[in-house]
Amino acid sequence: MEKICGINLLVCLFFISQLFGQTHHSGYSGQEKREIKSLSQNQVAGYLNAKGMGLAKAAELNHYPGPKHVLELSAELNLSNEQVQKTKGFYNEMHKAASELGKLYIQKEKELDRWFEKESVDEAGLNLLVLEIGKIKSKIRFAHLKAHLQMQGMLSPEQISKYDTLRGYINTNKINHSHNNN
């Protein structure tokens, strides 16, 4: 068999046939079977159960601990009984707000999906629904971030530093925040 540019002609023909014979699958392939096309089952469960899903990462990675993890680490952080009770309160407040909003968010995402499924979308309605979904999602994020803000104001700098260490965050920036240690 003849060689073209040092490559066997048969090998070239094989690769060319593979290029033209393939379909180009999207990264979305298989997701068309989801109940809500834009959300995985894990995401749906996360919103319904007020999981963080990275929504408070800006706080978490900048020395603003999350109440769930503070409770998990309460012994290591040497929390007082008062701190434990306040932390539980912050967590419960966040969880209630975020899970209620999560239900609404899922409902609106289903609605958006159904509009496209039924081909009953118009630009004005789409704009309003997308804005509404965005507001709900921002309220969910605020609920998570607010809980981190509350925690940072209640813990001592030493507890925050210990939290960061226990969570595996290596940061040379000094923690220099005002605290309301009660």
N, C-alpha and C. Protein backbone atom coordinates (compact mmCIF):
# COMPACT_ATOMS: atom_id res chain seq x y z
N MET A 1 0.86 -1.18 0.00
CA MET A 1 0.00 0.00 0.00
C MET A 1 0.90 1.23 0.00
N GLU A 2 0.47 2.25 -0.71
CA GLU A 2 1.25 3.47 -0.87
C GLU A 2 1.23 4.31 0.41
N LYS A 3 2.31 5.02 0.68
CA LYS A 3 2.40 5.88 1.87
C LYS A 3 2.21 7.32 1.45
N ILE A 4 1.42 8.03 2.25
CA ILE A 4 1.22 9.46 2.03
C ILE A 4 1.75 10.16 3.27
N CYS A 5 2.71 11.03 3.08
CA CYS A 5 3.33 11.75 4.19
C CYS A 5 3.78 10.79 5.29
N GLY A 6 4.28 9.63 4.91
CA GLY A 6 4.78 8.68 5.88
C GLY A 6 3.71 7.87 6.59
N ILE A 7 2.45 8.04 6.19
CA ILE A 7 1.35 7.30 6.83
C ILE A 7 0.74 6.40 5.78
N ASN A 8 0.44 5.22 6.16
CA ASN A 8 -0.18 4.23 5.28
C ASN A 8 -1.52 4.76 4.79
N LEU A 9 -1.81 4.66 3.52
CA LEU A 9 -3.05 5.14 2.91
C LEU A 9 -4.26 4.49 3.56
N LEU A 10 -4.17 3.23 3.90
CA LEU A 10 -5.29 2.54 4.54
C LEU A 10 -5.63 3.16 5.89
N VAL A 11 -4.60 3.51 6.66
CA VAL A 11 -4.81 4.14 7.96
C VAL A 11 -5.47 5.51 7.76
N CYS A 12 -5.02 6.27 6.80
CA CYS A 12 -5.63 7.58 6.50
C CYS A 12 -7.09 7.43 6.15
N LEU A 13 -7.41 6.48 5.29
CA LEU A 13 -8.79 6.27 4.90
C LEU A 13 -9.67 5.88 6.09
N PHE A 14 -9.10 5.07 7.00
CA PHE A 14 -9.85 4.67 8.19
C PHE A 14 -10.21 5.89 9.04
N PHE A 15 -9.24 6.76 9.30
CA PHE A 15 -9.50 7.93 10.12
C PHE A 15 -10.47 8.89 9.45
N ILE A 16 -10.37 9.05 8.16
CA ILE A 16 -11.31 9.91 7.43
C ILE A 16 -12.71 9.34 7.51
N SER A 17 -12.85 8.03 7.35
CA SER A 17 -14.18 7.43 7.43
C SER A 17 -14.76 7.58 8.83
N GLN A 18 -13.91 7.53 9.85
CA GLN A 18 -14.37 7.71 11.23
C GLN A 18 -14.86 9.15 11.45
N LEU A 19 -14.16 10.11 10.90
CA LEU A 19 -14.56 11.51 11.05
C LEU A 19 -15.92 11.78 10.43
N PHE A 20 -16.15 11.26 9.24
CA PHE A 20 -17.40 11.53 8.54
C PHE A 20 -18.54 10.63 8.97
N GLY A 21 -18.24 9.52 9.60
CA GLY A 21 -19.28 8.59 10.00
C GLY A 21 -19.80 8.82 11.41
N GLN A 22 -19.17 9.69 12.18
CA GLN A 22 -19.56 9.89 13.56
C GLN A 22 -20.61 10.99 13.69
N THR A 23 -21.48 10.80 14.67
CA THR A 23 -22.35 11.90 15.07
C THR A 23 -21.60 12.68 16.13
N HIS A 24 -21.91 13.92 16.26
CA HIS A 24 -21.23 14.78 17.23
C HIS A 24 -22.14 14.97 18.43
N HIS A 25 -21.92 14.14 19.44
CA HIS A 25 -22.75 14.19 20.64
C HIS A 25 -22.41 15.42 21.47
N SER A 26 -23.46 15.99 22.03
CA SER A 26 -23.33 17.12 22.92
C SER A 26 -22.99 16.62 24.31
N GLY A 27 -22.42 17.48 25.13
CA GLY A 27 -22.22 17.18 26.53
C GLY A 27 -23.55 17.02 27.25
N TYR A 28 -24.63 17.42 26.60
CA TYR A 28 -25.97 17.31 27.18
C TYR A 28 -26.63 15.97 26.88
N SER A 29 -25.96 15.15 26.09
CA SER A 29 -26.55 13.89 25.67
C SER A 29 -27.00 13.07 26.88
N GLY A 30 -28.25 12.62 26.85
CA GLY A 30 -28.83 11.86 27.95
C GLY A 30 -29.63 12.72 28.92
N GLN A 31 -29.32 14.01 28.97
CA GLN A 31 -30.01 14.91 29.89
C GLN A 31 -31.42 15.25 29.43
N GLU A 32 -31.73 14.96 28.19
CA GLU A 32 -33.07 15.24 27.66
C GLU A 32 -34.12 14.36 28.33
N LYS A 33 -33.67 13.34 29.06
CA LYS A 33 -34.59 12.43 29.76
C LYS A 33 -34.92 12.90 31.16
N ARG A 34 -34.24 13.94 31.63
CA ARG A 34 -34.48 14.45 32.98
C ARG A 34 -35.87 15.06 33.10
N GLU A 35 -36.42 15.01 34.30
CA GLU A 35 -37.70 15.68 34.54
C GLU A 35 -37.55 17.19 34.34
N ILE A 36 -36.49 17.75 34.91
CA ILE A 36 -36.15 19.16 34.69
C ILE A 36 -34.82 19.13 33.95
N LYS A 37 -34.86 19.50 32.71
CA LYS A 37 -33.70 19.32 31.83
C LYS A 37 -32.45 20.03 32.35
N SER A 38 -32.60 21.19 32.96
CA SER A 38 -31.45 21.99 33.36
C SER A 38 -30.88 21.61 34.72
N LEU A 39 -31.51 20.66 35.43
CA LEU A 39 -31.03 20.29 36.76
C LEU A 39 -30.88 18.78 36.90
N SER A 40 -29.76 18.36 37.49
CA SER A 40 -29.55 16.95 37.77
C SER A 40 -30.39 16.55 38.99
N GLN A 41 -30.52 15.27 39.23
CA GLN A 41 -31.24 14.80 40.42
C GLN A 41 -30.54 15.27 41.69
N ASN A 42 -29.21 15.30 41.67
CA ASN A 42 -28.46 15.78 42.83
C ASN A 42 -28.72 17.26 43.08
N GLN A 43 -28.81 18.05 42.03
CA GLN A 43 -29.10 19.47 42.20
C GLN A 43 -30.51 19.67 42.75
N VAL A 44 -31.47 18.95 42.21
CA VAL A 44 -32.85 19.05 42.71
C VAL A 44 -32.88 18.71 44.20
N ALA A 45 -32.26 17.60 44.58
CA ALA A 45 -32.21 17.20 45.99
C ALA A 45 -31.49 18.25 46.83
N GLY A 46 -30.44 18.82 46.29
CA GLY A 46 -29.69 19.85 47.01
C GLY A 46 -30.54 21.07 47.30
N TYR A 47 -31.28 21.54 46.31
CA TYR A 47 -32.14 22.71 46.53
C TYR A 47 -33.29 22.39 47.48
N LEU A 48 -33.87 21.22 47.36
CA LEU A 48 -34.99 20.86 48.22
C LEU A 48 -34.55 20.66 49.67
N ASN A 49 -33.30 20.24 49.88
CA ASN A 49 -32.79 19.95 51.21
C ASN A 49 -31.84 21.02 51.74
N ALA A 50 -31.81 22.17 51.08
CA ALA A 50 -30.99 23.32 51.50
C ALA A 50 -29.51 22.99 51.63
N LYS A 51 -29.00 22.17 50.72
CA LYS A 51 -27.57 21.88 50.70
C LYS A 51 -26.83 23.11 50.18
N GLY A 52 -25.61 23.29 50.61
CA GLY A 52 -24.85 24.47 50.23
C GLY A 52 -24.50 24.54 48.76
N MET A 53 -24.08 23.45 48.17
CA MET A 53 -23.74 23.34 46.74
C MET A 53 -22.82 24.46 46.25
N GLY A 54 -21.95 24.94 47.14
CA GLY A 54 -21.01 25.98 46.74
C GLY A 54 -21.57 27.38 46.74
N LEU A 55 -22.81 27.56 47.16
CA LEU A 55 -23.44 28.87 47.12
C LEU A 55 -22.80 29.86 48.10
N ALA A 56 -22.15 29.37 49.14
CA ALA A 56 -21.52 30.25 50.12
C ALA A 56 -20.00 30.13 50.10
N LYS A 57 -19.46 29.68 48.98
CA LYS A 57 -18.01 29.47 48.88
C LYS A 57 -17.23 30.76 49.11
N ALA A 58 -17.77 31.89 48.67
CA ALA A 58 -17.07 33.17 48.87
C ALA A 58 -16.88 33.43 50.36
N ALA A 59 -17.85 33.08 51.16
CA ALA A 59 -17.73 33.24 52.62
C ALA A 59 -16.83 32.16 53.21
N GLU A 60 -17.13 30.92 52.89
CA GLU A 60 -16.43 29.77 53.46
C GLU A 60 -14.91 29.87 53.29
N LEU A 61 -14.48 30.30 52.13
CA LEU A 61 -13.04 30.34 51.84
C LEU A 61 -12.38 31.65 52.23
N ASN A 62 -13.15 32.53 52.87
CA ASN A 62 -12.62 33.81 53.36
C ASN A 62 -12.87 33.97 54.86
N HIS A 63 -12.80 32.86 55.58
CA HIS A 63 -12.84 32.85 57.05
C HIS A 63 -14.22 33.15 57.63
N TYR A 64 -15.27 32.79 56.92
CA TYR A 64 -16.63 32.91 57.43
C TYR A 64 -17.22 31.50 57.48
N PRO A 65 -17.05 30.81 58.62
CA PRO A 65 -17.48 29.42 58.73
C PRO A 65 -18.99 29.22 58.54
N GLY A 66 -19.35 28.04 58.09
CA GLY A 66 -20.75 27.68 57.92
C GLY A 66 -21.27 26.98 59.17
N PRO A 67 -22.51 27.23 59.54
CA PRO A 67 -23.05 26.67 60.78
C PRO A 67 -23.10 25.14 60.80
N LYS A 68 -23.40 24.53 59.69
CA LYS A 68 -23.46 23.06 59.66
C LYS A 68 -22.12 22.46 60.03
N HIS A 69 -21.06 22.98 59.44
CA HIS A 69 -19.73 22.45 59.69
C HIS A 69 -19.21 22.85 61.07
N VAL A 70 -19.61 24.01 61.54
CA VAL A 70 -19.24 24.41 62.91
C VAL A 70 -19.84 23.43 63.91
N LEU A 71 -21.10 23.06 63.68
CA LEU A 71 -21.73 22.08 64.57
C LEU A 71 -21.02 20.73 64.51
N GLU A 72 -20.63 20.33 63.30
CA GLU A 72 -19.91 19.06 63.15
C GLU A 72 -18.57 19.09 63.89
N LEU A 73 -17.98 20.27 63.99
CA LEU A 73 -16.66 20.42 64.59
C LEU A 73 -16.74 21.06 65.99
N SER A 74 -17.90 21.05 66.58
CA SER A 74 -18.11 21.78 67.84
C SER A 74 -17.12 21.38 68.94
N ALA A 75 -16.82 20.10 69.07
CA ALA A 75 -15.88 19.66 70.11
C ALA A 75 -14.48 20.19 69.82
N GLU A 76 -14.04 20.05 68.57
CA GLU A 76 -12.70 20.51 68.19
C GLU A 76 -12.55 22.02 68.33
N LEU A 77 -13.65 22.74 68.11
CA LEU A 77 -13.63 24.20 68.20
C LEU A 77 -13.86 24.69 69.63
N ASN A 78 -14.16 23.74 70.53
CA ASN A 78 -14.40 24.06 71.93
C ASN A 78 -15.50 25.13 72.08
N LEU A 79 -16.63 24.86 71.42
CA LEU A 79 -17.75 25.80 71.48
C LEU A 79 -18.39 25.77 72.86
N SER A 80 -18.82 26.93 73.31
CA SER A 80 -19.58 26.99 74.56
C SER A 80 -21.00 26.52 74.27
N ASN A 81 -21.75 26.24 75.31
CA ASN A 81 -23.16 25.85 75.14
C ASN A 81 -23.93 26.94 74.42
N GLU A 82 -23.65 28.18 74.77
CA GLU A 82 -24.32 29.31 74.12
C GLU A 82 -23.99 29.36 72.63
N GLN A 83 -22.74 29.13 72.28
CA GLN A 83 -22.34 29.13 70.88
C GLN A 83 -23.02 27.99 70.13
N VAL A 84 -23.13 26.83 70.75
CA VAL A 84 -23.81 25.70 70.11
C VAL A 84 -25.27 26.05 69.84
N GLN A 85 -25.94 26.63 70.83
CA GLN A 85 -27.35 26.98 70.67
C GLN A 85 -27.54 28.05 69.58
N LYS A 86 -26.70 29.06 69.58
CA LYS A 86 -26.79 30.10 68.54
C LYS A 86 -26.51 29.51 67.16
N THR A 87 -25.52 28.64 67.08
CA THR A 87 -25.18 28.02 65.80
C THR A 87 -26.36 27.19 65.29
N LYS A 88 -26.99 26.43 66.18
CA LYS A 88 -28.17 25.66 65.78
C LYS A 88 -29.27 26.59 65.29
N GLY A 89 -29.45 27.71 65.94
CA GLY A 89 -30.44 28.69 65.50
C GLY A 89 -30.14 29.25 64.12
N PHE A 90 -28.88 29.61 63.89
CA PHE A 90 -28.47 30.13 62.57
C PHE A 90 -28.71 29.07 61.50
N TYR A 91 -28.31 27.84 61.81
CA TYR A 91 -28.49 26.76 60.84
C TYR A 91 -29.97 26.53 60.54
N ASN A 92 -30.79 26.43 61.58
CA ASN A 92 -32.22 26.17 61.38
C ASN A 92 -32.89 27.28 60.58
N GLU A 93 -32.52 28.52 60.86
CA GLU A 93 -33.06 29.67 60.11
C GLU A 93 -32.68 29.58 58.64
N MET A 94 -31.40 29.30 58.38
CA MET A 94 -30.93 29.17 57.00
C MET A 94 -31.61 28.00 56.31
N HIS A 95 -31.66 26.85 56.98
CA HIS A 95 -32.22 25.65 56.38
C HIS A 95 -33.69 25.85 56.01
N LYS A 96 -34.45 26.46 56.91
CA LYS A 96 -35.87 26.69 56.65
C LYS A 96 -36.06 27.60 55.44
N ALA A 97 -35.35 28.72 55.43
CA ALA A 97 -35.48 29.68 54.33
C ALA A 97 -35.02 29.06 53.01
N ALA A 98 -33.85 28.44 53.02
CA ALA A 98 -33.28 27.90 51.78
C ALA A 98 -34.11 26.73 51.23
N SER A 99 -34.65 25.89 52.10
CA SER A 99 -35.43 24.76 51.58
C SER A 99 -36.78 25.22 51.04
N GLU A 100 -37.41 26.21 51.70
CA GLU A 100 -38.67 26.76 51.17
C GLU A 100 -38.44 27.43 49.82
N LEU A 101 -37.38 28.21 49.74
CA LEU A 101 -37.04 28.85 48.47
C LEU A 101 -36.62 27.82 47.43
N GLY A 102 -35.96 26.76 47.87
CA GLY A 102 -35.55 25.68 46.97
C GLY A 102 -36.75 25.03 46.31
N LYS A 103 -37.81 24.81 47.07
CA LYS A 103 -39.04 24.23 46.51
C LYS A 103 -39.61 25.14 45.44
N LEU A 104 -39.63 26.43 45.73
CA LEU A 104 -40.13 27.41 44.76
C LEU A 104 -39.24 27.45 43.52
N TYR A 105 -37.93 27.40 43.73
CA TYR A 105 -36.99 27.41 42.61
C TYR A 105 -37.22 26.21 41.69
N ILE A 106 -37.36 25.02 42.28
CA ILE A 106 -37.60 23.81 41.50
C ILE A 106 -38.92 23.93 40.73
N GLN A 107 -39.94 24.45 41.38
CA GLN A 107 -41.24 24.63 40.73
C GLN A 107 -41.12 25.55 39.51
N LYS A 108 -40.38 26.63 39.65
CA LYS A 108 -40.23 27.59 38.54
C LYS A 108 -39.36 27.01 37.42
N GLU A 109 -38.35 26.23 37.77
CA GLU A 109 -37.53 25.57 36.74
C GLU A 109 -38.37 24.55 35.97
N LYS A 110 -39.26 23.85 36.67
CA LYS A 110 -40.18 22.92 35.99
C LYS A 110 -41.08 23.68 35.03
N GLU A 111 -41.58 24.81 35.49
CA GLU A 111 -42.44 25.64 34.65
C GLU A 111 -41.72 26.09 33.39
N LEU A 112 -40.49 26.54 33.54
CA LEU A 112 -39.69 26.96 32.39
C LEU A 112 -39.50 25.80 31.41
N ASP A 113 -39.18 24.65 31.95
CA ASP A 113 -38.98 23.47 31.12
C ASP A 113 -40.26 23.12 30.36
N ARG A 114 -41.38 23.18 31.04
CA ARG A 114 -42.67 22.83 30.41
C ARG A 114 -43.02 23.82 29.30
N TRP A 115 -42.70 25.09 29.50
CA TRP A 115 -42.96 26.08 28.45
C TRP A 115 -42.25 25.69 27.15
N PHE A 116 -40.99 25.32 27.28
CA PHE A 116 -40.23 24.93 26.09
C PHE A 116 -40.73 23.60 25.54
N GLU A 117 -41.07 22.69 26.44
CA GLU A 117 -41.57 21.38 26.02
C GLU A 117 -42.85 21.53 25.20
N LYS A 118 -43.74 22.41 25.64
CA LYS A 118 -45.03 22.61 24.97
C LYS A 118 -44.95 23.65 23.86
N GLU A 119 -43.75 24.21 23.67
CA GLU A 119 -43.54 25.24 22.65
C GLU A 119 -44.50 26.41 22.85
N SER A 120 -44.69 26.78 24.12
CA SER A 120 -45.59 27.89 24.43
C SER A 120 -44.81 29.05 25.06
N VAL A 121 -43.64 29.32 24.52
CA VAL A 121 -42.76 30.36 25.06
C VAL A 121 -42.88 31.60 24.20
N ASP A 122 -43.00 32.73 24.88
CA ASP A 122 -42.88 34.01 24.17
C ASP A 122 -41.82 34.83 24.91
N GLU A 123 -41.26 35.79 24.24
CA GLU A 123 -40.11 36.52 24.78
C GLU A 123 -40.45 37.28 26.06
N ALA A 124 -41.59 37.93 26.10
CA ALA A 124 -41.96 38.71 27.29
C ALA A 124 -42.16 37.80 28.51
N GLY A 125 -42.89 36.71 28.33
CA GLY A 125 -43.11 35.78 29.44
C GLY A 125 -41.82 35.12 29.88
N LEU A 126 -40.99 34.78 28.91
CA LEU A 126 -39.70 34.17 29.20
C LEU A 126 -38.85 35.11 30.04
N ASN A 127 -38.80 36.36 29.67
CA ASN A 127 -38.03 37.35 30.41
C ASN A 127 -38.49 37.43 31.86
N LEU A 128 -39.79 37.49 32.07
CA LEU A 128 -40.34 37.59 33.43
C LEU A 128 -40.02 36.34 34.25
N LEU A 129 -40.19 35.16 33.66
CA LEU A 129 -39.94 33.93 34.39
C LEU A 129 -38.46 33.78 34.73
N VAL A 130 -37.59 34.10 33.80
CA VAL A 130 -36.16 33.99 34.05
C VAL A 130 -35.74 34.96 35.15
N LEU A 131 -36.29 36.17 35.14
CA LEU A 131 -35.98 37.13 36.21
C LEU A 131 -36.48 36.61 37.56
N GLU A 132 -37.66 36.03 37.58
CA GLU A 132 -38.21 35.47 38.81
C GLU A 132 -37.34 34.33 39.33
N ILE A 133 -36.92 33.45 38.44
CA ILE A 133 -36.03 32.34 38.83
C ILE A 133 -34.72 32.88 39.39
N GLY A 134 -34.18 33.91 38.75
CA GLY A 134 -32.93 34.52 39.22
C GLY A 134 -33.07 35.12 40.61
N LYS A 135 -34.21 35.78 40.87
CA LYS A 135 -34.44 36.37 42.20
C LYS A 135 -34.53 35.28 43.26
N ILE A 136 -35.20 34.20 42.95
CA ILE A 136 -35.33 33.11 43.92
C ILE A 136 -33.96 32.51 44.21
N LYS A 137 -33.19 32.28 43.17
CA LYS A 137 -31.86 31.69 43.37
C LYS A 137 -30.97 32.63 44.18
N SER A 138 -31.07 33.93 43.95
CA SER A 138 -30.25 34.87 44.72
C SER A 138 -30.68 34.90 46.19
N LYS A 139 -31.96 34.70 46.46
CA LYS A 139 -32.44 34.64 47.85
C LYS A 139 -31.92 33.38 48.54
N ILE A 140 -31.84 32.29 47.80
CA ILE A 140 -31.28 31.06 48.37
C ILE A 140 -29.81 31.29 48.73
N ARG A 141 -29.09 31.89 47.83
CA ARG A 141 -27.67 32.15 48.09
C ARG A 141 -27.51 33.09 49.27
N PHE A 142 -28.35 34.12 49.34
CA PHE A 142 -28.29 35.06 50.46
C PHE A 142 -28.52 34.33 51.79
N ALA A 143 -29.48 33.41 51.83
CA ALA A 143 -29.75 32.67 53.07
C ALA A 143 -28.51 31.92 53.54
N HIS A 144 -27.80 31.30 52.59
CA HIS A 144 -26.58 30.57 52.95
C HIS A 144 -25.48 31.53 53.39
N LEU A 145 -25.27 32.60 52.64
CA LEU A 145 -24.22 33.56 52.98
C LEU A 145 -24.50 34.27 54.30
N LYS A 146 -25.74 34.59 54.55
CA LYS A 146 -26.13 35.25 55.81
C LYS A 146 -25.75 34.38 57.00
N ALA A 147 -25.97 33.07 56.90
CA ALA A 147 -25.62 32.16 57.99
C ALA A 147 -24.11 32.18 58.25
N HIS A 148 -23.32 32.25 57.20
CA HIS A 148 -21.86 32.33 57.36
C HIS A 148 -21.48 33.65 58.03
N LEU A 149 -22.12 34.72 57.64
CA LEU A 149 -21.86 36.04 58.23
C LEU A 149 -22.18 36.01 59.73
N GLN A 150 -23.30 35.42 60.08
CA GLN A 150 -23.68 35.32 61.49
C GLN A 150 -22.65 34.51 62.27
N MET A 151 -22.17 33.43 61.69
CA MET A 151 -21.20 32.58 62.37
C MET A 151 -19.89 33.31 62.59
N GLN A 152 -19.43 34.02 61.60
CA GLN A 152 -18.15 34.72 61.71
C GLN A 152 -18.21 35.74 62.83
N GLY A 153 -19.37 36.36 63.03
CA GLY A 153 -19.51 37.35 64.08
C GLY A 153 -19.62 36.75 65.48
N MET A 154 -19.85 35.47 65.58
CA MET A 154 -20.04 34.83 66.87
C MET A 154 -18.80 34.07 67.36
N LEU A 155 -17.96 33.64 66.45
CA LEU A 155 -16.79 32.85 66.82
C LEU A 155 -15.57 33.75 67.07
N SER A 156 -14.67 33.27 67.89
CA SER A 156 -13.44 34.01 68.15
C SER A 156 -12.49 33.83 66.96
N PRO A 157 -11.52 34.73 66.81
CA PRO A 157 -10.53 34.55 65.73
C PRO A 157 -9.81 33.20 65.83
N GLU A 158 -9.56 32.75 67.05
CA GLU A 158 -8.89 31.47 67.24
C GLU A 158 -9.77 30.31 66.75
N GLN A 159 -11.07 30.38 67.04
CA GLN A 159 -11.98 29.33 66.58
C GLN A 159 -12.08 29.33 65.06
N ILE A 160 -12.10 30.50 64.47
CA ILE A 160 -12.17 30.59 63.01
C ILE A 160 -10.90 30.02 62.38
N SER A 161 -9.76 30.37 62.95
CA SER A 161 -8.50 29.84 62.45
C SER A 161 -8.46 28.31 62.58
N LYS A 162 -8.93 27.80 63.70
CA LYS A 162 -8.98 26.35 63.92
C LYS A 162 -9.94 25.70 62.92
N TYR A 163 -11.09 26.34 62.68
CA TYR A 163 -12.07 25.85 61.70
C TYR A 163 -11.42 25.74 60.33
N ASP A 164 -10.76 26.82 59.91
CA ASP A 164 -10.10 26.83 58.60
C ASP A 164 -9.09 25.69 58.50
N THR A 165 -8.33 25.47 59.55
CA THR A 165 -7.33 24.40 59.56
C THR A 165 -8.01 23.03 59.47
N LEU A 166 -9.04 22.83 60.29
CA LEU A 166 -9.75 21.55 60.29
C LEU A 166 -10.42 21.26 58.95
N ARG A 167 -10.86 22.29 58.26
CA ARG A 167 -11.52 22.13 56.97
C ARG A 167 -10.50 22.01 55.83
N GLY A 168 -9.23 22.20 56.16
CA GLY A 168 -8.18 22.02 55.15
C GLY A 168 -7.88 23.25 54.33
N TYR A 169 -8.27 24.42 54.83
CA TYR A 169 -7.99 25.65 54.09
C TYR A 169 -6.65 26.21 54.56
N ILE A 170 -5.72 26.25 53.65
CA ILE A 170 -4.41 26.80 53.96
C ILE A 170 -4.39 28.20 53.39
N ASN A 171 -4.30 29.17 54.27
CA ASN A 171 -4.33 30.56 53.83
C ASN A 171 -3.40 31.34 54.73
N THR A 172 -2.49 32.08 54.13
CA THR A 172 -1.54 32.86 54.90
C THR A 172 -2.10 34.23 55.28
N ASN A 173 -3.27 34.59 54.74
CA ASN A 173 -3.87 35.87 55.13
C ASN A 173 -4.29 35.83 56.58
N LYS A 174 -3.97 36.87 57.30
CA LYS A 174 -4.35 36.96 58.70
C LYS A 174 -5.85 37.22 58.82
N ILE A 175 -6.46 36.60 59.78
CA ILE A 175 -7.87 36.86 60.06
C ILE A 175 -7.91 38.09 60.95
N ASN A 176 -8.50 39.13 60.45
CA ASN A 176 -8.53 40.39 61.19
C ASN A 176 -9.91 41.00 61.05
N HIS A 177 -10.89 40.38 61.70
CA HIS A 177 -12.26 40.84 61.63
C HIS A 177 -12.73 41.21 63.02
N SER A 178 -13.69 42.11 63.09
CA SER A 178 -14.27 42.43 64.41
C SER A 178 -15.27 41.31 64.76
N HIS A 179 -15.37 41.00 66.03
CA HIS A 179 -16.23 39.92 66.48
C HIS A 179 -17.12 40.39 67.63
N ASN A 180 -18.26 39.78 67.70
CA ASN A 180 -19.16 39.99 68.82
C ASN A 180 -19.13 38.72 69.65
N ASN A 181 -18.12 38.56 70.44
CA ASN A 181 -18.02 37.34 71.26
C ASN A 181 -18.90 37.47 72.47
N ASN A 182 -19.94 36.67 72.49
CA ASN A 182 -20.86 36.68 73.63
C ASN A 182 -20.77 35.38 74.36
